[in-house]
């Protein structure tokens, strides 16, 4: 068994333990393996161990891997910021985008999505703790952006994504709890959401306990970058 396969098992065990602590079904949490800065061979090893969904922060690097791994049945998630000159690449190659924080970006992705592909699955990134160097719409603007994104053709709004600022467990838990509350608020407003993308290697346990449905794990699977 490869080291990556062993790491995947450990992560799944952490998810199972966090779900048990929260009284949740483990099947309610999806694992997204974040493969940024690692090569196609590492992705192949993770796939061989049963992992199908992979996240990329850097668009060109992600596209290169997508093209190199077309022989595998993989699901690709763009989880990094998207510049206007990269929306066509994202629309043509990725299955999901977690980092919608501007209507302009969503409009370009919708317009540039090839008609031969299914709708692009998208999440709105929300900056809940006001990090100045972090992407994301302010919480009080999330509803407005969701309303605009939800009606765009070629996109399907699935939920929200958040990245807490580094901090202790108490502050991180508070941000995750805020994200969960916002997600529930959007659902109560009529949006059919099923994805709350939050939690990374350092905080996945807390994120799952606070309601995450998709954790984005890189270091704990692939190792230090």
C-alpha atoms as a PDB file:
ATOM      1  CA  UNK A   1       0.000   0.000   0.000  1.00  0.00           C
ATOM      2  CA  UNK A   2       1.343   3.431  -0.954  1.00  0.00           C
ATOM      3  CA  UNK A   3       1.918   6.183   1.600  1.00  0.00           C
ATOM      4  CA  UNK A   4      -0.844   8.189  -0.067  1.00  0.00           C
ATOM      5  CA  UNK A   5      -3.245   5.263   0.312  1.00  0.00           C
ATOM      6  CA  UNK A   6      -2.344   4.975   4.000  1.00  0.00           C
ATOM      7  CA  UNK A   7      -2.853   8.712   4.466  1.00  0.00           C
ATOM      8  CA  UNK A   8      -6.253   8.522   2.793  1.00  0.00           C
ATOM      9  CA  UNK A   9      -7.258   5.808   5.239  1.00  0.00           C
ATOM     10  CA  UNK A  10      -6.163   7.975   8.166  1.00  0.00           C
ATOM     11  CA  UNK A  11      -8.154  10.934   6.861  1.00  0.00           C
ATOM     12  CA  UNK A  12     -11.259   8.800   6.381  1.00  0.00           C
ATOM     13  CA  UNK A  13     -10.848   7.586   9.960  1.00  0.00           C
ATOM     14  CA  UNK A  14     -10.681  11.209  11.172  1.00  0.00           C
ATOM     15  CA  UNK A  15     -13.826  12.023   9.230  1.00  0.00           C
ATOM     16  CA  UNK A  16     -15.596   8.988  10.685  1.00  0.00           C
ATOM     17  CA  UNK A  17     -14.588   9.967  14.232  1.00  0.00           C
ATOM     18  CA  UNK A  18     -15.725  13.570  13.737  1.00  0.00           C
ATOM     19  CA  UNK A  19     -19.043  12.385  12.312  1.00  0.00           C
ATOM     20  CA  UNK A  20     -19.536  10.054  15.248  1.00  0.00           C
ATOM     21  CA  UNK A  21     -18.840  12.886  17.686  1.00  0.00           C
ATOM     22  CA  UNK A  22     -21.420  15.044  15.896  1.00  0.00           C
ATOM     23  CA  UNK A  23     -23.998  12.279  15.516  1.00  0.00           C
ATOM     24  CA  UNK A  24     -23.717  12.389  11.737  1.00  0.00           C
ATOM     25  CA  UNK A  25     -23.579   9.741   9.033  1.00  0.00           C
ATOM     26  CA  UNK A  26     -20.079   9.543   7.535  1.00  0.00           C
ATOM     27  CA  UNK A  27     -21.669   9.389   4.085  1.00  0.00           C
ATOM     28  CA  UNK A  28     -22.808  13.009   4.575  1.00  0.00           C
ATOM     29  CA  UNK A  29     -19.217  14.267   4.235  1.00  0.00           C
ATOM     30  CA  UNK A  30     -17.287  14.093   0.973  1.00  0.00           C
ATOM     31  CA  UNK A  31     -13.494  14.100   0.828  1.00  0.00           C
ATOM     32  CA  UNK A  32     -11.859  16.412  -1.699  1.00  0.00           C
ATOM     33  CA  UNK A  33      -8.153  15.616  -2.134  1.00  0.00           C
ATOM     34  CA  UNK A  34      -6.256  18.849  -2.773  1.00  0.00           C
ATOM     35  CA  UNK A  35      -3.458  17.957  -5.171  1.00  0.00           C
ATOM     36  CA  UNK A  36      -1.985  21.398  -5.844  1.00  0.00           C
ATOM     37  CA  UNK A  37       1.807  21.347  -6.383  1.00  0.00           C
ATOM     38  CA  UNK A  38       1.770  17.544  -6.605  1.00  0.00           C
ATOM     39  CA  UNK A  39       2.073  15.771  -9.921  1.00  0.00           C
ATOM     40  CA  UNK A  40      -0.091  13.449 -11.951  1.00  0.00           C
ATOM     41  CA  UNK A  41       1.599  10.378 -10.488  1.00  0.00           C
ATOM     42  CA  UNK A  42       0.494  11.290  -6.958  1.00  0.00           C
ATOM     43  CA  UNK A  43      -3.065  11.755  -8.233  1.00  0.00           C
ATOM     44  CA  UNK A  44      -2.881   8.323  -9.872  1.00  0.00           C
ATOM     45  CA  UNK A  45      -1.835   6.782  -6.565  1.00  0.00           C
ATOM     46  CA  UNK A  46      -4.738   8.457  -4.768  1.00  0.00           C
ATOM     47  CA  UNK A  47      -7.138   7.301  -7.479  1.00  0.00           C
ATOM     48  CA  UNK A  48      -5.815   3.753  -7.166  1.00  0.00           C
ATOM     49  CA  UNK A  49      -6.673   3.964  -3.468  1.00  0.00           C
ATOM     50  CA  UNK A  50     -10.262   4.898  -4.292  1.00  0.00           C
ATOM     51  CA  UNK A  51     -10.196   8.712  -4.349  1.00  0.00           C
ATOM     52  CA  UNK A  52     -12.074  10.329  -7.224  1.00  0.00           C
ATOM     53  CA  UNK A  53     -12.522  14.055  -6.429  1.00  0.00           C
ATOM     54  CA  UNK A  54      -9.487  16.357  -6.589  1.00  0.00           C
ATOM     55  CA  UNK A  55      -9.075  20.074  -5.911  1.00  0.00           C
ATOM     56  CA  UNK A  56      -6.661  22.476  -7.581  1.00  0.00           C
ATOM     57  CA  UNK A  57      -5.811  26.048  -6.539  1.00  0.00           C
ATOM     58  CA  UNK A  58      -3.693  26.985  -9.548  1.00  0.00           C
ATOM     59  CA  UNK A  59      -5.653  26.872 -12.761  1.00  0.00           C
ATOM     60  CA  UNK A  60      -2.969  26.175 -15.356  1.00  0.00           C
ATOM     61  CA  UNK A  61      -1.366  23.528 -13.154  1.00  0.00           C
ATOM     62  CA  UNK A  62      -4.783  21.947 -12.707  1.00  0.00           C
ATOM     63  CA  UNK A  63      -5.548  21.968 -16.427  1.00  0.00           C
ATOM     64  CA  UNK A  64      -2.196  20.304 -17.170  1.00  0.00           C
ATOM     65  CA  UNK A  65      -3.061  17.495 -14.743  1.00  0.00           C
ATOM     66  CA  UNK A  66      -6.598  17.157 -16.060  1.00  0.00           C
ATOM     67  CA  UNK A  67      -5.243  16.691 -19.567  1.00  0.00           C
ATOM     68  CA  UNK A  68      -2.572  14.234 -18.417  1.00  0.00           C
ATOM     69  CA  UNK A  69      -5.109  12.104 -16.552  1.00  0.00           C
ATOM     70  CA  UNK A  70      -7.937  11.901 -19.050  1.00  0.00           C
ATOM     71  CA  UNK A  71      -7.763   8.100 -18.904  1.00  0.00           C
ATOM     72  CA  UNK A  72      -9.064   8.178 -15.318  1.00  0.00           C
ATOM     73  CA  UNK A  73     -12.606   8.849 -14.133  1.00  0.00           C
ATOM     74  CA  UNK A  74     -11.911  11.923 -12.005  1.00  0.00           C
ATOM     75  CA  UNK A  75     -13.921  14.887 -10.753  1.00  0.00           C
ATOM     76  CA  UNK A  76     -12.000  18.170 -10.753  1.00  0.00           C
ATOM     77  CA  UNK A  77     -12.713  21.097  -8.430  1.00  0.00           C
ATOM     78  CA  UNK A  78     -11.257  24.594  -8.844  1.00  0.00           C
ATOM     79  CA  UNK A  79     -10.816  25.930  -5.316  1.00  0.00           C
ATOM     80  CA  UNK A  80      -8.532  28.916  -5.918  1.00  0.00           C
ATOM     81  CA  UNK A  81      -9.128  32.503  -7.050  1.00  0.00           C
ATOM     82  CA  UNK A  82     -10.031  32.960 -10.708  1.00  0.00           C
ATOM     83  CA  UNK A  83      -8.711  35.846 -12.773  1.00  0.00           C
ATOM     84  CA  UNK A  84     -10.826  37.020 -15.693  1.00  0.00           C
ATOM     85  CA  UNK A  85      -8.316  35.735 -18.242  1.00  0.00           C
ATOM     86  CA  UNK A  86      -8.581  32.213 -16.776  1.00  0.00           C
ATOM     87  CA  UNK A  87     -12.360  31.763 -16.742  1.00  0.00           C
ATOM     88  CA  UNK A  88     -12.409  30.054 -20.161  1.00  0.00           C
ATOM     89  CA  UNK A  89      -9.904  27.441 -18.993  1.00  0.00           C
ATOM     90  CA  UNK A  90     -11.926  26.774 -15.855  1.00  0.00           C
ATOM     91  CA  UNK A  91     -15.215  26.583 -17.748  1.00  0.00           C
ATOM     92  CA  UNK A  92     -13.781  24.119 -20.257  1.00  0.00           C
ATOM     93  CA  UNK A  93     -11.952  21.753 -17.924  1.00  0.00           C
ATOM     94  CA  UNK A  94     -13.302  21.726 -14.368  1.00  0.00           C
ATOM     95  CA  UNK A  95     -16.441  20.097 -12.980  1.00  0.00           C
ATOM     96  CA  UNK A  96     -16.779  22.298  -9.899  1.00  0.00           C
ATOM     97  CA  UNK A  97     -15.786  25.806  -8.797  1.00  0.00           C
ATOM     98  CA  UNK A  98     -15.777  26.649  -5.070  1.00  0.00           C
ATOM     99  CA  UNK A  99     -14.452  30.198  -5.327  1.00  0.00           C
ATOM    100  CA  UNK A 100     -17.192  32.327  -6.888  1.00  0.00           C
ATOM    101  CA  UNK A 101     -16.947  35.733  -5.198  1.00  0.00           C
ATOM    102  CA  UNK A 102     -18.031  38.089  -7.989  1.00  0.00           C
ATOM    103  CA  UNK A 103     -20.984  38.059 -10.359  1.00  0.00           C
ATOM    104  CA  UNK A 104     -18.676  38.926 -13.267  1.00  0.00           C
ATOM    105  CA  UNK A 105     -16.714  35.717 -12.728  1.00  0.00           C
ATOM    106  CA  UNK A 106     -19.890  33.656 -12.601  1.00  0.00           C
ATOM    107  CA  UNK A 107     -21.235  35.293 -15.758  1.00  0.00           C
ATOM    108  CA  UNK A 108     -18.035  34.574 -17.681  1.00  0.00           C
ATOM    109  CA  UNK A 109     -17.975  30.957 -16.512  1.00  0.00           C
ATOM    110  CA  UNK A 110     -21.586  30.501 -17.581  1.00  0.00           C
ATOM    111  CA  UNK A 111     -21.031  32.097 -20.991  1.00  0.00           C
ATOM    112  CA  UNK A 112     -17.846  30.117 -21.635  1.00  0.00           C
ATOM    113  CA  UNK A 113     -19.063  26.685 -20.478  1.00  0.00           C
ATOM    114  CA  UNK A 114     -18.957  24.400 -23.557  1.00  0.00           C
ATOM    115  CA  UNK A 115     -22.472  23.242 -24.540  1.00  0.00           C
ATOM    116  CA  UNK A 116     -21.261  19.644 -24.667  1.00  0.00           C
ATOM    117  CA  UNK A 117     -20.550  19.651 -20.928  1.00  0.00           C
ATOM    118  CA  UNK A 118     -23.034  19.440 -18.039  1.00  0.00           C
ATOM    119  CA  UNK A 119     -23.605  22.555 -15.930  1.00  0.00           C
ATOM    120  CA  UNK A 120     -20.632  23.710 -13.891  1.00  0.00           C
ATOM    121  CA  UNK A 121     -21.278  23.008 -10.201  1.00  0.00           C
ATOM    122  CA  UNK A 122     -20.462  26.110  -8.164  1.00  0.00           C
ATOM    123  CA  UNK A 123     -20.144  27.381  -4.606  1.00  0.00           C
ATOM    124  CA  UNK A 124     -19.983  30.974  -3.429  1.00  0.00           C
ATOM    125  CA  UNK A 125     -16.882  31.784  -1.388  1.00  0.00           C
ATOM    126  CA  UNK A 126     -17.720  33.795   1.724  1.00  0.00           C
ATOM    127  CA  UNK A 127     -15.175  35.744   3.774  1.00  0.00           C
ATOM    128  CA  UNK A 128     -16.697  35.391   7.216  1.00  0.00           C
ATOM    129  CA  UNK A 129     -13.881  36.690   9.402  1.00  0.00           C
ATOM    130  CA  UNK A 130     -12.830  39.649   7.277  1.00  0.00           C
ATOM    131  CA  UNK A 131      -9.357  38.457   6.270  1.00  0.00           C
ATOM    132  CA  UNK A 132      -7.929  41.306   4.187  1.00  0.00           C
ATOM    133  CA  UNK A 133      -5.829  39.085   1.914  1.00  0.00           C
ATOM    134  CA  UNK A 134      -8.523  36.491   1.339  1.00  0.00           C
ATOM    135  CA  UNK A 135     -11.093  36.202  -1.418  1.00  0.00           C
ATOM    136  CA  UNK A 136     -14.772  35.932  -0.653  1.00  0.00           C
ATOM    137  CA  UNK A 137     -17.938  37.963  -0.569  1.00  0.00           C
ATOM    138  CA  UNK A 138     -19.050  39.545   2.714  1.00  0.00           C
ATOM    139  CA  UNK A 139     -21.730  37.517   4.516  1.00  0.00           C
ATOM    140  CA  UNK A 140     -24.354  40.232   4.078  1.00  0.00           C
ATOM    141  CA  UNK A 141     -23.824  40.089   0.308  1.00  0.00           C
ATOM    142  CA  UNK A 142     -24.039  36.312  -0.009  1.00  0.00           C
ATOM    143  CA  UNK A 143     -27.794  36.253  -0.580  1.00  0.00           C
ATOM    144  CA  UNK A 144     -27.611  38.871  -3.352  1.00  0.00           C
ATOM    145  CA  UNK A 145     -24.821  37.014  -5.139  1.00  0.00           C
ATOM    146  CA  UNK A 146     -26.579  33.674  -4.714  1.00  0.00           C
ATOM    147  CA  UNK A 147     -29.749  35.074  -6.289  1.00  0.00           C
ATOM    148  CA  UNK A 148     -27.782  36.311  -9.302  1.00  0.00           C
ATOM    149  CA  UNK A 149     -25.724  33.145  -9.741  1.00  0.00           C
ATOM    150  CA  UNK A 150     -28.679  30.788  -9.357  1.00  0.00           C
ATOM    151  CA  UNK A 151     -30.371  32.042 -12.528  1.00  0.00           C
ATOM    152  CA  UNK A 152     -27.331  31.852 -14.798  1.00  0.00           C
ATOM    153  CA  UNK A 153     -27.499  29.162 -17.460  1.00  0.00           C
ATOM    154  CA  UNK A 154     -24.776  26.498 -17.470  1.00  0.00           C
ATOM    155  CA  UNK A 155     -24.156  26.887 -13.730  1.00  0.00           C
ATOM    156  CA  UNK A 156     -25.702  24.987 -10.831  1.00  0.00           C
ATOM    157  CA  UNK A 157     -25.406  26.606  -7.418  1.00  0.00           C
ATOM    158  CA  UNK A 158     -24.551  23.931  -4.851  1.00  0.00           C
ATOM    159  CA  UNK A 159     -23.527  25.835  -1.726  1.00  0.00           C
ATOM    160  CA  UNK A 160     -20.883  27.980  -0.078  1.00  0.00           C
ATOM    161  CA  UNK A 161     -17.182  27.691   0.704  1.00  0.00           C
ATOM    162  CA  UNK A 162     -15.168  29.337   3.448  1.00  0.00           C
ATOM    163  CA  UNK A 163     -11.548  29.446   4.644  1.00  0.00           C
ATOM    164  CA  UNK A 164     -11.054  30.658   8.226  1.00  0.00           C
ATOM    165  CA  UNK A 165      -8.069  32.795   9.093  1.00  0.00           C
ATOM    166  CA  UNK A 166      -5.419  30.816  11.018  1.00  0.00           C
ATOM    167  CA  UNK A 167      -6.305  30.719  14.687  1.00  0.00           C
ATOM    168  CA  UNK A 168      -7.058  28.552  17.675  1.00  0.00           C
ATOM    169  CA  UNK A 169      -9.787  25.920  17.742  1.00  0.00           C
ATOM    170  CA  UNK A 170     -12.313  28.238  19.378  1.00  0.00           C
ATOM    171  CA  UNK A 171     -12.025  30.955  16.718  1.00  0.00           C
ATOM    172  CA  UNK A 172     -11.989  28.400  13.896  1.00  0.00           C
ATOM    173  CA  UNK A 173     -15.082  26.683  15.279  1.00  0.00           C
ATOM    174  CA  UNK A 174     -16.856  30.037  15.465  1.00  0.00           C
ATOM    175  CA  UNK A 175     -16.215  30.719  11.770  1.00  0.00           C
ATOM    176  CA  UNK A 176     -17.413  27.252  10.802  1.00  0.00           C
ATOM    177  CA  UNK A 177     -20.537  27.727  12.902  1.00  0.00           C
ATOM    178  CA  UNK A 178     -21.190  31.058  11.147  1.00  0.00           C
ATOM    179  CA  UNK A 179     -20.775  29.391   7.760  1.00  0.00           C
ATOM    180  CA  UNK A 180     -23.232  26.668   8.706  1.00  0.00           C
ATOM    181  CA  UNK A 181     -25.757  29.246   9.899  1.00  0.00           C
ATOM    182  CA  UNK A 182     -25.409  31.213   6.652  1.00  0.00           C
ATOM    183  CA  UNK A 183     -25.802  28.027   4.612  1.00  0.00           C
ATOM    184  CA  UNK A 184     -29.006  27.188   6.482  1.00  0.00           C
ATOM    185  CA  UNK A 185     -30.233  30.756   5.994  1.00  0.00           C
ATOM    186  CA  UNK A 186     -29.718  30.491   2.230  1.00  0.00           C
ATOM    187  CA  UNK A 187     -31.505  27.156   2.169  1.00  0.00           C
ATOM    188  CA  UNK A 188     -34.425  28.654   4.061  1.00  0.00           C
ATOM    189  CA  UNK A 189     -34.547  31.395   1.411  1.00  0.00           C
ATOM    190  CA  UNK A 190     -35.365  28.773  -1.203  1.00  0.00           C
ATOM    191  CA  UNK A 191     -31.976  27.725  -2.567  1.00  0.00           C
ATOM    192  CA  UNK A 192     -31.582  23.964  -2.993  1.00  0.00           C
ATOM    193  CA  UNK A 193     -28.090  23.683  -1.538  1.00  0.00           C
ATOM    194  CA  UNK A 194     -26.316  20.490  -0.544  1.00  0.00           C
ATOM    195  CA  UNK A 195     -22.683  21.585  -0.189  1.00  0.00           C
ATOM    196  CA  UNK A 196     -20.920  23.342   2.674  1.00  0.00           C
ATOM    197  CA  UNK A 197     -17.262  23.307   1.641  1.00  0.00           C
ATOM    198  CA  UNK A 198     -15.122  23.910   4.712  1.00  0.00           C
ATOM    199  CA  UNK A 199     -12.364  22.223   6.643  1.00  0.00           C
ATOM    200  CA  UNK A 200      -8.751  21.443   5.750  1.00  0.00           C
ATOM    201  CA  UNK A 201      -6.056  19.169   7.156  1.00  0.00           C
ATOM    202  CA  UNK A 202      -5.655  21.199  10.344  1.00  0.00           C
ATOM    203  CA  UNK A 203      -9.333  21.717  11.150  1.00  0.00           C
ATOM    204  CA  UNK A 204     -11.357  19.038   9.403  1.00  0.00           C
ATOM    205  CA  UNK A 205     -12.543  17.542  12.711  1.00  0.00           C
ATOM    206  CA  UNK A 206     -14.032  20.840  13.899  1.00  0.00           C
ATOM    207  CA  UNK A 207     -15.448  21.586  10.441  1.00  0.00           C
ATOM    208  CA  UNK A 208     -17.268  18.257  10.293  1.00  0.00           C
ATOM    209  CA  UNK A 209     -18.621  18.747  13.807  1.00  0.00           C
ATOM    210  CA  UNK A 210     -19.962  22.146  12.713  1.00  0.00           C
ATOM    211  CA  UNK A 211     -21.726  20.812   9.617  1.00  0.00           C
ATOM    212  CA  UNK A 212     -19.265  20.620   6.717  1.00  0.00           C
ATOM    213  CA  UNK A 213     -20.390  18.382   3.856  1.00  0.00           C
ATOM    214  CA  UNK A 214     -17.089  18.553   1.939  1.00  0.00           C
ATOM    215  CA  UNK A 215     -13.599  18.809   3.425  1.00  0.00           C
ATOM    216  CA  UNK A 216     -10.638  19.946   1.307  1.00  0.00           C
ATOM    217  CA  UNK A 217      -7.597  17.947   2.402  1.00  0.00           C
ATOM    218  CA  UNK A 218      -4.115  18.293   0.940  1.00  0.00           C
ATOM    219  CA  UNK A 219      -1.239  17.986   3.423  1.00  0.00           C
ATOM    220  CA  UNK A 220      -2.736  15.092   5.380  1.00  0.00           C
ATOM    221  CA  UNK A 221      -2.970  13.091   2.125  1.00  0.00           C
ATOM    222  CA  UNK A 222      -0.034  14.144  -0.022  1.00  0.00           C
ATOM    223  CA  UNK A 223       2.395  15.510   2.588  1.00  0.00           C
ATOM    224  CA  UNK A 224       3.997  18.894   3.182  1.00  0.00           C
ATOM    225  CA  UNK A 225       4.423  21.153   0.175  1.00  0.00           C
END
